[in-house]
Amino acid sequence: MGWFGNKRKRPPRQVVMYTRQGCHLCDEAWQLLTDMQAKHALKLTAVDVDSQPDLIQQFGERVPVIVIDGKERFWGRTNRVLLERFLQATDVEDRPKQ
């Protein structure tokens, strides 16, 4: 088998974006995530913070909040370059050691 066949497929990253209706920063962040979804194997879920009182208390006006594999990574305006760098860096970290 050639070196192309040795590449292991990593399970999709679980990405949860906490959002609310009418949030333009949320719309922008969701677009960034969907643009990067296939390249970085992202499983995207959007959660409306206004749907649950505990989420309203936890996040308040601090949306969007992006949680990747259980860890809060970004909130507010999401920078495309920083998101791409984070995903690329963790892609490298997840590769099997040779």
PDB file of N, CA and C in Angstrom:
ATOM      1  N   MET A   1       0.845  -1.173   0.000  1.00  0.00           N
ATOM      2  CA  MET A   1       0.000   0.000   0.000  1.00  0.00           C
ATOM      3  C   MET A   1       0.891   1.238   0.000  1.00  0.00           C
ATOM      4  N   GLY A   2       0.578   2.215  -0.832  1.00  0.00           N
ATOM      5  CA  GLY A   2       1.345   3.446  -0.915  1.00  0.00           C
ATOM      6  C   GLY A   2       1.101   4.353   0.273  1.00  0.00           C
ATOM      7  N   TRP A   3       1.844   5.426   0.335  1.00  0.00           N
ATOM      8  CA  TRP A   3       1.715   6.329   1.476  1.00  0.00           C
ATOM      9  C   TRP A   3       0.365   7.006   1.515  1.00  0.00           C
ATOM     10  N   PHE A   4      -0.362   7.081   0.389  1.00  0.00           N
ATOM     11  CA  PHE A   4      -1.713   7.644   0.408  1.00  0.00           C
ATOM     12  C   PHE A   4      -2.653   6.767   1.224  1.00  0.00           C
ATOM     13  N   GLY A   5      -2.448   5.459   1.197  1.00  0.00           N
ATOM     14  CA  GLY A   5      -3.319   4.530   1.896  1.00  0.00           C
ATOM     15  C   GLY A   5      -3.095   4.464   3.396  1.00  0.00           C
ATOM     16  N   ASN A   6      -2.027   5.076   3.897  1.00  0.00           N
ATOM     17  CA  ASN A   6      -1.724   5.020   5.320  1.00  0.00           C
ATOM     18  C   ASN A   6      -2.443   6.090   6.131  1.00  0.00           C
ATOM     19  N   LYS A   7      -3.124   6.985   5.463  1.00  0.00           N
ATOM     20  CA  LYS A   7      -3.777   8.089   6.153  1.00  0.00           C
ATOM     21  C   LYS A   7      -5.022   7.585   6.886  1.00  0.00           C
ATOM     22  N   ARG A   8      -5.045   7.793   8.202  1.00  0.00           N
ATOM     23  CA  ARG A   8      -6.209   7.401   8.991  1.00  0.00           C
ATOM     24  C   ARG A   8      -7.232   8.527   8.955  1.00  0.00           C
ATOM     25  N   LYS A   9      -8.476   8.125   8.848  1.00  0.00           N
ATOM     26  CA  LYS A   9      -9.536   9.118   8.868  1.00  0.00           C
ATOM     27  C   LYS A   9      -9.909   9.391  10.319  1.00  0.00           C
ATOM     28  N   ARG A  10      -9.835  10.644  10.717  1.00  0.00           N
ATOM     29  CA  ARG A  10     -10.169  11.007  12.092  1.00  0.00           C
ATOM     30  C   ARG A  10     -11.668  11.184  12.192  1.00  0.00           C
ATOM     31  N   PRO A  11     -12.234  10.877  13.346  1.00  0.00           N
ATOM     32  CA  PRO A  11     -13.667  11.097  13.514  1.00  0.00           C
ATOM     33  C   PRO A  11     -13.975  12.594  13.436  1.00  0.00           C
ATOM     34  N   PRO A  12     -15.165  12.943  13.024  1.00  0.00           N
ATOM     35  CA  PRO A  12     -15.483  14.378  12.918  1.00  0.00           C
ATOM     36  C   PRO A  12     -15.374  15.081  14.268  1.00  0.00           C
ATOM     37  N   ARG A  13     -14.911  16.313  14.226  1.00  0.00           N
ATOM     38  CA  ARG A  13     -14.895  17.135  15.439  1.00  0.00           C
ATOM     39  C   ARG A  13     -16.331  17.559  15.730  1.00  0.00           C
ATOM     40  N   GLN A  14     -16.673  17.535  16.981  1.00  0.00           N
ATOM     41  CA  GLN A  14     -17.988  17.992  17.422  1.00  0.00           C
ATOM     42  C   GLN A  14     -17.907  19.490  17.680  1.00  0.00           C
ATOM     43  N   VAL A  15     -18.649  20.265  16.898  1.00  0.00           N
ATOM     44  CA  VAL A  15     -18.642  21.712  17.044  1.00  0.00           C
ATOM     45  C   VAL A  15     -20.056  22.177  17.373  1.00  0.00           C
ATOM     46  N   VAL A  16     -20.182  22.846  18.516  1.00  0.00           N
ATOM     47  CA  VAL A  16     -21.467  23.400  18.932  1.00  0.00           C
ATOM     48  C   VAL A  16     -21.325  24.911  18.931  1.00  0.00           C
ATOM     49  N   MET A  17     -22.260  25.574  18.259  1.00  0.00           N
ATOM     50  CA  MET A  17     -22.268  27.027  18.275  1.00  0.00           C
ATOM     51  C   MET A  17     -23.516  27.488  19.001  1.00  0.00           C
ATOM     52  N   TYR A  18     -23.309  28.212  20.101  1.00  0.00           N
ATOM     53  CA  TYR A  18     -24.412  28.793  20.847  1.00  0.00           C
ATOM     54  C   TYR A  18     -24.745  30.128  20.197  1.00  0.00           C
ATOM     55  N   THR A  19     -25.998  30.310  19.858  1.00  0.00           N
ATOM     56  CA  THR A  19     -26.432  31.415  19.024  1.00  0.00           C
ATOM     57  C   THR A  19     -27.771  31.951  19.503  1.00  0.00           C
ATOM     58  N   ARG A  20     -28.267  32.973  18.834  1.00  0.00           N
ATOM     59  CA  ARG A  20     -29.640  33.451  19.051  1.00  0.00           C
ATOM     60  C   ARG A  20     -30.119  34.116  17.769  1.00  0.00           C
ATOM     61  N   GLN A  21     -31.414  34.164  17.623  1.00  0.00           N
ATOM     62  CA  GLN A  21     -32.017  34.767  16.434  1.00  0.00           C
ATOM     63  C   GLN A  21     -31.628  36.239  16.339  1.00  0.00           C
ATOM     64  N   GLY A  22     -31.400  36.698  15.104  1.00  0.00           N
ATOM     65  CA  GLY A  22     -31.106  38.101  14.865  1.00  0.00           C
ATOM     66  C   GLY A  22     -29.689  38.527  15.190  1.00  0.00           C
ATOM     67  N   CYS A  23     -28.798  37.583  15.425  1.00  0.00           N
ATOM     68  CA  CYS A  23     -27.403  37.887  15.766  1.00  0.00           C
ATOM     69  C   CYS A  23     -26.561  37.827  14.491  1.00  0.00           C
ATOM     70  N   HIS A  24     -26.138  38.987  13.997  1.00  0.00           N
ATOM     71  CA  HIS A  24     -25.355  38.995  12.752  1.00  0.00           C
ATOM     72  C   HIS A  24     -23.979  38.360  12.943  1.00  0.00           C
ATOM     73  N   LEU A  25     -23.385  38.483  14.131  1.00  0.00           N
ATOM     74  CA  LEU A  25     -22.095  37.824  14.381  1.00  0.00           C
ATOM     75  C   LEU A  25     -22.258  36.302  14.346  1.00  0.00           C
ATOM     76  N   CYS A  26     -23.418  35.824  14.806  1.00  0.00           N
ATOM     77  CA  CYS A  26     -23.710  34.388  14.761  1.00  0.00           C
ATOM     78  C   CYS A  26     -23.815  33.917  13.314  1.00  0.00           C
ATOM     79  N   ASP A  27     -24.492  34.694  12.493  1.00  0.00           N
ATOM     80  CA  ASP A  27     -24.621  34.344  11.071  1.00  0.00           C
ATOM     81  C   ASP A  27     -23.249  34.262  10.407  1.00  0.00           C
ATOM     82  N   GLU A  28     -22.387  35.224  10.710  1.00  0.00           N
ATOM     83  CA  GLU A  28     -21.034  35.229  10.142  1.00  0.00           C
ATOM     84  C   GLU A  28     -20.233  34.015  10.617  1.00  0.00           C
ATOM     85  N   ALA A  29     -20.306  33.711  11.905  1.00  0.00           N
ATOM     86  CA  ALA A  29     -19.557  32.582  12.458  1.00  0.00           C
ATOM     87  C   ALA A  29     -20.059  31.267  11.866  1.00  0.00           C
ATOM     88  N   TRP A  30     -21.365  31.126  11.729  1.00  0.00           N
ATOM     89  CA  TRP A  30     -21.929  29.894  11.152  1.00  0.00           C
ATOM     90  C   TRP A  30     -21.448  29.715   9.714  1.00  0.00           C
ATOM     91  N   GLN A  31     -21.382  30.807   8.963  1.00  0.00           N
ATOM     92  CA  GLN A  31     -20.893  30.722   7.585  1.00  0.00           C
ATOM     93  C   GLN A  31     -19.437  30.265   7.554  1.00  0.00           C
ATOM     94  N   LEU A  32     -18.602  30.797   8.454  1.00  0.00           N
ATOM     95  CA  LEU A  32     -17.204  30.359   8.537  1.00  0.00           C
ATOM     96  C   LEU A  32     -17.124  28.863   8.823  1.00  0.00           C
ATOM     97  N   LEU A  33     -17.912  28.410   9.782  1.00  0.00           N
ATOM     98  CA  LEU A  33     -17.888  26.989  10.142  1.00  0.00           C
ATOM     99  C   LEU A  33     -18.346  26.108   8.984  1.00  0.00           C
ATOM    100  N   THR A  34     -19.401  26.506   8.303  1.00  0.00           N
ATOM    101  CA  THR A  34     -19.871  25.682   7.179  1.00  0.00           C
ATOM    102  C   THR A  34     -18.870  25.691   6.037  1.00  0.00           C
ATOM    103  N   ASP A  35     -18.160  26.814   5.842  1.00  0.00           N
ATOM    104  CA  ASP A  35     -17.117  26.881   4.809  1.00  0.00           C
ATOM    105  C   ASP A  35     -15.986  25.893   5.102  1.00  0.00           C
ATOM    106  N   MET A  36     -15.700  25.649   6.379  1.00  0.00           N
ATOM    107  CA  MET A  36     -14.579  24.797   6.788  1.00  0.00           C
ATOM    108  C   MET A  36     -15.004  23.374   7.155  1.00  0.00           C
ATOM    109  N   GLN A  37     -16.273  23.112   7.081  1.00  0.00           N
ATOM    110  CA  GLN A  37     -16.826  21.841   7.552  1.00  0.00           C
ATOM    111  C   GLN A  37     -16.203  20.625   6.879  1.00  0.00           C
ATOM    112  N   ALA A  38     -16.176  20.584   5.576  1.00  0.00           N
ATOM    113  CA  ALA A  38     -15.661  19.412   4.861  1.00  0.00           C
ATOM    114  C   ALA A  38     -14.141  19.275   5.025  1.00  0.00           C
ATOM    115  N   LYS A  39     -13.427  20.375   4.909  1.00  0.00           N
ATOM    116  CA  LYS A  39     -11.962  20.339   4.977  1.00  0.00           C
ATOM    117  C   LYS A  39     -11.452  19.810   6.312  1.00  0.00           C
ATOM    118  N   HIS A  40     -12.152  20.155   7.400  1.00  0.00           N
ATOM    119  CA  HIS A  40     -11.668  19.802   8.735  1.00  0.00           C
ATOM    120  C   HIS A  40     -12.559  18.780   9.445  1.00  0.00           C
ATOM    121  N   ALA A  41     -13.444  18.131   8.730  1.00  0.00           N
ATOM    122  CA  ALA A  41     -14.319  17.093   9.295  1.00  0.00           C
ATOM    123  C   ALA A  41     -15.040  17.592  10.540  1.00  0.00           C
ATOM    124  N   LEU A  42     -15.911  18.591  10.350  1.00  0.00           N
ATOM    125  CA  LEU A  42     -16.648  19.176  11.455  1.00  0.00           C
ATOM    126  C   LEU A  42     -18.091  18.680  11.458  1.00  0.00           C
ATOM    127  N   LYS A  43     -18.584  18.287  12.605  1.00  0.00           N
ATOM    128  CA  LYS A  43     -20.001  17.975  12.782  1.00  0.00           C
ATOM    129  C   LYS A  43     -20.595  19.161  13.519  1.00  0.00           C
ATOM    130  N   LEU A  44     -21.403  19.955  12.821  1.00  0.00           N
ATOM    131  CA  LEU A  44     -21.900  21.218  13.346  1.00  0.00           C
ATOM    132  C   LEU A  44     -23.279  21.076  13.982  1.00  0.00           C
ATOM    133  N   THR A  45     -23.433  21.736  15.124  1.00  0.00           N
ATOM    134  CA  THR A  45     -24.718  21.822  15.802  1.00  0.00           C
ATOM    135  C   THR A  45     -24.897  23.257  16.274  1.00  0.00           C
ATOM    136  N   ALA A  46     -26.072  23.821  16.007  1.00  0.00           N
ATOM    137  CA  ALA A  46     -26.396  25.158  16.495  1.00  0.00           C
ATOM    138  C   ALA A  46     -27.404  25.025  17.631  1.00  0.00           C
ATOM    139  N   VAL A  47     -27.167  25.768  18.707  1.00  0.00           N
ATOM    140  CA  VAL A  47     -28.062  25.749  19.863  1.00  0.00           C
ATOM    141  C   VAL A  47     -28.483  27.190  20.150  1.00  0.00           C
ATOM    142  N   ASP A  48     -29.796  27.426  20.141  1.00  0.00           N
ATOM    143  CA  ASP A  48     -30.334  28.751  20.444  1.00  0.00           C
ATOM    144  C   ASP A  48     -30.330  28.938  21.960  1.00  0.00           C
ATOM    145  N   VAL A  49     -29.552  29.892  22.442  1.00  0.00           N
ATOM    146  CA  VAL A  49     -29.448  30.090  23.891  1.00  0.00           C
ATOM    147  C   VAL A  49     -30.772  30.527  24.501  1.00  0.00           C
ATOM    148  N   ASP A  50     -31.641  31.132  23.694  1.00  0.00           N
ATOM    149  CA  ASP A  50     -32.926  31.588  24.211  1.00  0.00           C
ATOM    150  C   ASP A  50     -33.910  30.443  24.415  1.00  0.00           C
ATOM    151  N   SER A  51     -33.522  29.222  24.018  1.00  0.00           N
ATOM    152  CA  SER A  51     -34.417  28.075  24.149  1.00  0.00           C
ATOM    153  C   SER A  51     -34.403  27.472  25.552  1.00  0.00           C
ATOM    154  N   GLN A  52     -33.410  27.844  26.368  1.00  0.00           N
ATOM    155  CA  GLN A  52     -33.291  27.259  27.701  1.00  0.00           C
ATOM    156  C   GLN A  52     -32.819  28.315  28.697  1.00  0.00           C
ATOM    157  N   PRO A  53     -33.524  28.464  29.801  1.00  0.00           N
ATOM    158  CA  PRO A  53     -33.153  29.485  30.795  1.00  0.00           C
ATOM    159  C   PRO A  53     -31.721  29.365  31.301  1.00  0.00           C
ATOM    160  N   ASP A  54     -31.225  28.143  31.481  1.00  0.00           N
ATOM    161  CA  ASP A  54     -29.856  27.999  31.979  1.00  0.00           C
ATOM    162  C   ASP A  54     -28.835  28.497  30.967  1.00  0.00           C
ATOM    163  N   LEU A  55     -29.135  28.344  29.676  1.00  0.00           N
ATOM    164  CA  LEU A  55     -28.225  28.858  28.642  1.00  0.00           C
ATOM    165  C   LEU A  55     -28.271  30.381  28.585  1.00  0.00           C
ATOM    166  N   ILE A  56     -29.450  30.960  28.776  1.00  0.00           N
ATOM    167  CA  ILE A  56     -29.558  32.426  28.827  1.00  0.00           C
ATOM    168  C   ILE A  56     -28.682  32.959  29.946  1.00  0.00           C
ATOM    169  N   GLN A  57     -28.748  32.314  31.102  1.00  0.00           N
ATOM    170  CA  GLN A  57     -27.945  32.744  32.252  1.00  0.00           C
ATOM    171  C   GLN A  57     -26.453  32.523  31.989  1.00  0.00           C
ATOM    172  N   GLN A  58     -26.106  31.392  31.388  1.00  0.00           N
ATOM    173  CA  GLN A  58     -24.701  31.073  31.149  1.00  0.00           C
ATOM    174  C   GLN A  58     -24.060  31.997  30.118  1.00  0.00           C
ATOM    175  N   PHE A  59     -24.759  32.265  29.013  1.00  0.00           N
ATOM    176  CA  PHE A  59     -24.150  33.019  27.919  1.00  0.00           C
ATOM    177  C   PHE A  59     -24.601  34.470  27.838  1.00  0.00           C
ATOM    178  N   GLY A  60     -25.796  34.787  28.325  1.00  0.00           N
ATOM    179  CA  GLY A  60     -26.286  36.158  28.264  1.00  0.00           C
ATOM    180  C   GLY A  60     -26.229  36.695  26.840  1.00  0.00           C
ATOM    181  N   GLU A  61     -25.574  37.822  26.674  1.00  0.00           N
ATOM    182  CA  GLU A  61     -25.405  38.437  25.348  1.00  0.00           C
ATOM    183  C   GLU A  61     -24.122  37.981  24.659  1.00  0.00           C
ATOM    184  N   ARG A  62     -23.374  37.111  25.310  1.00  0.00           N
ATOM    185  CA  ARG A  62     -22.067  36.665  24.794  1.00  0.00           C
ATOM    186  C   ARG A  62     -22.250  35.555  23.763  1.00  0.00           C
ATOM    187  N   VAL A  63     -22.714  35.932  22.586  1.00  0.00           N
ATOM    188  CA  VAL A  63     -22.875  34.993  21.474  1.00  0.00           C
ATOM    189  C   VAL A  63     -22.276  35.613  20.223  1.00  0.00           C
ATOM    190  N   PRO A  64     -21.860  34.834  19.281  1.00  0.00           N
ATOM    191  CA  PRO A  64     -21.823  33.385  19.293  1.00  0.00           C
ATOM    192  C   PRO A  64     -20.696  32.861  20.183  1.00  0.00           C
ATOM    193  N   VAL A  65     -20.907  31.656  20.679  1.00  0.00           N
ATOM    194  CA  VAL A  65     -19.877  30.934  21.417  1.00  0.00           C
ATOM    195  C   VAL A  65     -19.655  29.632  20.662  1.00  0.00           C
ATOM    196  N   ILE A  66     -18.403  29.362  20.302  1.00  0.00           N
ATOM    197  CA  ILE A  66     -18.063  28.153  19.549  1.00  0.00           C
ATOM    198  C   ILE A  66     -17.301  27.207  20.466  1.00  0.00           C
ATOM    199  N   VAL A  67     -17.868  26.012  20.621  1.00  0.00           N
ATOM    200  CA  VAL A  67     -17.282  24.974  21.453  1.00  0.00           C
ATOM    201  C   VAL A  67     -16.833  23.847  20.521  1.00  0.00           C
ATOM    202  N   ILE A  68     -15.557  23.500  20.577  1.00  0.00           N
ATOM    203  CA  ILE A  68     -15.000  22.450  19.718  1.00  0.00           C
ATOM    204  C   ILE A  68     -14.531  21.312  20.605  1.00  0.00           C
ATOM    205  N   ASP A  69     -15.110  20.142  20.353  1.00  0.00           N
ATOM    206  CA  ASP A  69     -14.803  18.945  21.143  1.00  0.00           C
ATOM    207  C   ASP A  69     -14.882  19.209  22.643  1.00  0.00           C
ATOM    208  N   GLY A  70     -15.940  19.927  23.041  1.00  0.00           N
ATOM    209  CA  GLY A  70     -16.215  20.135  24.458  1.00  0.00           C
ATOM    210  C   GLY A  70     -15.516  21.314  25.108  1.00  0.00           C
ATOM    211  N   LYS A  71     -14.684  22.034  24.362  1.00  0.00           N
ATOM    212  CA  LYS A  71     -13.964  23.170  24.938  1.00  0.00           C
ATOM    213  C   LYS A  71     -14.347  24.455  24.224  1.00  0.00           C
ATOM    214  N   GLU A  72     -14.652  25.477  25.010  1.00  0.00           N
ATOM    215  CA  GLU A  72     -14.989  26.775  24.436  1.00  0.00           C
ATOM    216  C   GLU A  72     -13.733  27.361  23.802  1.00  0.00           C
ATOM    217  N   ARG A  73     -13.826  27.669  22.500  1.00  0.00           N
ATOM    218  CA  ARG A  73     -12.650  28.164  21.765  1.00  0.00           C
ATOM    219  C   ARG A  73     -12.790  29.598  21.284  1.00  0.00           C
ATOM    220  N   PHE A  74     -13.989  30.011  20.897  1.00  0.00           N
ATOM    221  CA  PHE A  74     -14.195  31.356  20.360  1.00  0.00           C
ATOM    222  C   PHE A  74     -15.516  31.897  20.873  1.00  0.00           C
ATOM    223  N   TRP A  75     -15.585  33.210  21.015  1.00  0.00           N
ATOM    224  CA  TRP A  75     -16.865  33.866  21.272  1.00  0.00           C
ATOM    225  C   TRP A  75     -16.812  35.267  20.691  1.00  0.00           C
ATOM    226  N   GLY A  76     -17.996  35.796  20.386  1.00  0.00           N
ATOM    227  CA  GLY A  76     -18.071  37.111  19.745  1.00  0.00           C
ATOM    228  C   GLY A  76     -17.678  37.000  18.285  1.00  0.00           C
ATOM    229  N   ARG A  77     -17.063  38.017  17.756  1.00  0.00           N
ATOM    230  CA  ARG A  77     -16.645  37.996  16.353  1.00  0.00           C
ATOM    231  C   ARG A  77     -15.580  36.918  16.166  1.00  0.00           C
ATOM    232  N   THR A  78     -15.821  36.023  15.223  1.00  0.00           N
ATOM    233  CA  THR A  78     -14.912  34.902  14.987  1.00  0.00           C
ATOM    234  C   THR A  78     -13.995  35.245  13.815  1.00  0.00           C
ATOM    235  N   ASN A  79     -12.713  35.222  14.089  1.00  0.00           N
ATOM    236  CA  ASN A  79     -11.717  35.556  13.087  1.00  0.00           C
ATOM    237  C   ASN A  79     -11.425  34.325  12.223  1.00  0.00           C
ATOM    238  N   ARG A  80     -11.617  34.467  10.908  1.00  0.00           N
ATOM    239  CA  ARG A  80     -11.419  33.349   9.972  1.00  0.00           C
ATOM    240  C   ARG A  80     -10.002  32.788  10.055  1.00  0.00           C
ATOM    241  N   VAL A  81      -9.002  33.652  10.097  1.00  0.00           N
ATOM    242  CA  VAL A  81      -7.602  33.215  10.107  1.00  0.00           C
ATOM    243  C   VAL A  81      -7.301  32.438  11.390  1.00  0.00           C
ATOM    244  N   LEU A  82      -7.746  32.946  12.531  1.00  0.00           N
ATOM    245  CA  LEU A  82      -7.480  32.254  13.799  1.00  0.00           C
ATOM    246  C   LEU A  82      -8.207  30.915  13.863  1.00  0.00           C
ATOM    247  N   LEU A  83      -9.437  30.861  13.366  1.00  0.00           N
ATOM    248  CA  LEU A  83     -10.173  29.601  13.338  1.00  0.00           C
ATOM    249  C   LEU A  83      -9.473  28.596  12.442  1.00  0.00           C
ATOM    250  N   GLU A  84      -9.051  29.028  11.270  1.00  0.00           N
ATOM    251  CA  GLU A  84      -8.351  28.139  10.331  1.00  0.00           C
ATOM    252  C   GLU A  84      -7.040  27.639  10.949  1.00  0.00           C
ATOM    253  N   ARG A  85      -6.290  28.531  11.578  1.00  0.00           N
ATOM    254  CA  ARG A  85      -5.019  28.125  12.209  1.00  0.00           C
ATOM    255  C   ARG A  85      -5.259  27.112  13.328  1.00  0.00           C
ATOM    256  N   PHE A  86      -6.284  27.353  14.141  1.00  0.00           N
ATOM    257  CA  PHE A  86      -6.602  26.419  15.214  1.00  0.00           C
ATOM    258  C   PHE A  86      -6.938  25.051  14.648  1.00  0.00           C
ATOM    259  N   LEU A  87      -7.792  25.004  13.638  1.00  0.00           N
ATOM    260  CA  LEU A  87      -8.204  23.726  13.062  1.00  0.00           C
ATOM    261  C   LEU A  87      -7.030  23.010  12.396  1.00  0.00           C
ATOM    262  N   GLN A  88      -6.177  23.759  11.682  1.00  0.00           N
ATOM    263  CA  GLN A  88      -5.003  23.146  11.063  1.00  0.00           C
ATOM    264  C   GLN A  88      -4.051  22.592  12.118  1.00  0.00           C
ATOM    265  N   ALA A  89      -3.829  23.352  13.179  1.00  0.00           N
ATOM    266  CA  ALA A  89      -2.912  22.909  14.236  1.00  0.00           C
ATOM    267  C   ALA A  89      -3.430  21.640  14.900  1.00  0.00           C
ATOM    268  N   THR A  90      -4.703  21.572  15.148  1.00  0.00           N
ATOM    269  CA  THR A  90      -5.240  20.379  15.791  1.00  0.00           C
ATOM    270  C   THR A  90      -5.344  19.229  14.808  1.00  0.00           C
ATOM    271  N   ASP A  91      -5.457  19.514  13.515  1.00  0.00           N
ATOM    272  CA  ASP A  91      -5.373  18.439  12.509  1.00  0.00           C
ATOM    273  C   ASP A  91      -4.010  17.772  12.602  1.00  0.00           C
ATOM    274  N   VAL A  92      -2.940  18.571  12.724  1.00  0.00           N
ATOM    275  CA  VAL A  92      -1.575  18.043  12.803  1.00  0.00           C
ATOM    276  C   VAL A  92      -1.388  17.268  14.091  1.00  0.00           C
ATOM    277  N   GLU A  93      -1.888  17.797  15.211  1.00  0.00           N
ATOM    278  CA  GLU A  93      -1.750  17.116  16.501  1.00  0.00           C
ATOM    279  C   GLU A  93      -2.434  15.761  16.503  1.00  0.00           C
ATOM    280  N   ASP A  94      -3.512  15.610  15.737  1.00  0.00           N
ATOM    281  CA  ASP A  94      -4.295  14.383  15.734  1.00  0.00           C
ATOM    282  C   ASP A  94      -3.728  13.319  14.789  1.00  0.00           C
ATOM    283  N   ARG A  95      -2.723  13.662  13.994  1.00  0.00           N
ATOM    284  CA  ARG A  95      -2.153  12.677  13.077  1.00  0.00           C
ATOM    285  C   ARG A  95      -1.352  11.642  13.866  1.00  0.00           C
ATOM    286  N   PRO A  96      -1.397  10.395  13.396  1.00  0.00           N
ATOM    287  CA  PRO A  96      -0.616   9.372  14.098  1.00  0.00           C
ATOM    288  C   PRO A  96       0.881   9.650  13.967  1.00  0.00           C
ATOM    289  N   LYS A  97       1.620   9.335  15.013  1.00  0.00           N
ATOM    290  CA  LYS A  97       3.084   9.518  15.003  1.00  0.00           C
ATOM    291  C   LYS A  97       3.715   8.443  14.114  1.00  0.00           C
ATOM    292  N   GLN A  98       4.697   8.841  13.327  1.00  0.00           N
ATOM    293  CA  GLN A  98       5.354   7.919  12.396  1.00  0.00           C
ATOM    294  C   GLN A  98       6.613   7.366  13.021  1.00  0.00           C
TER     295      GLN A  98
END
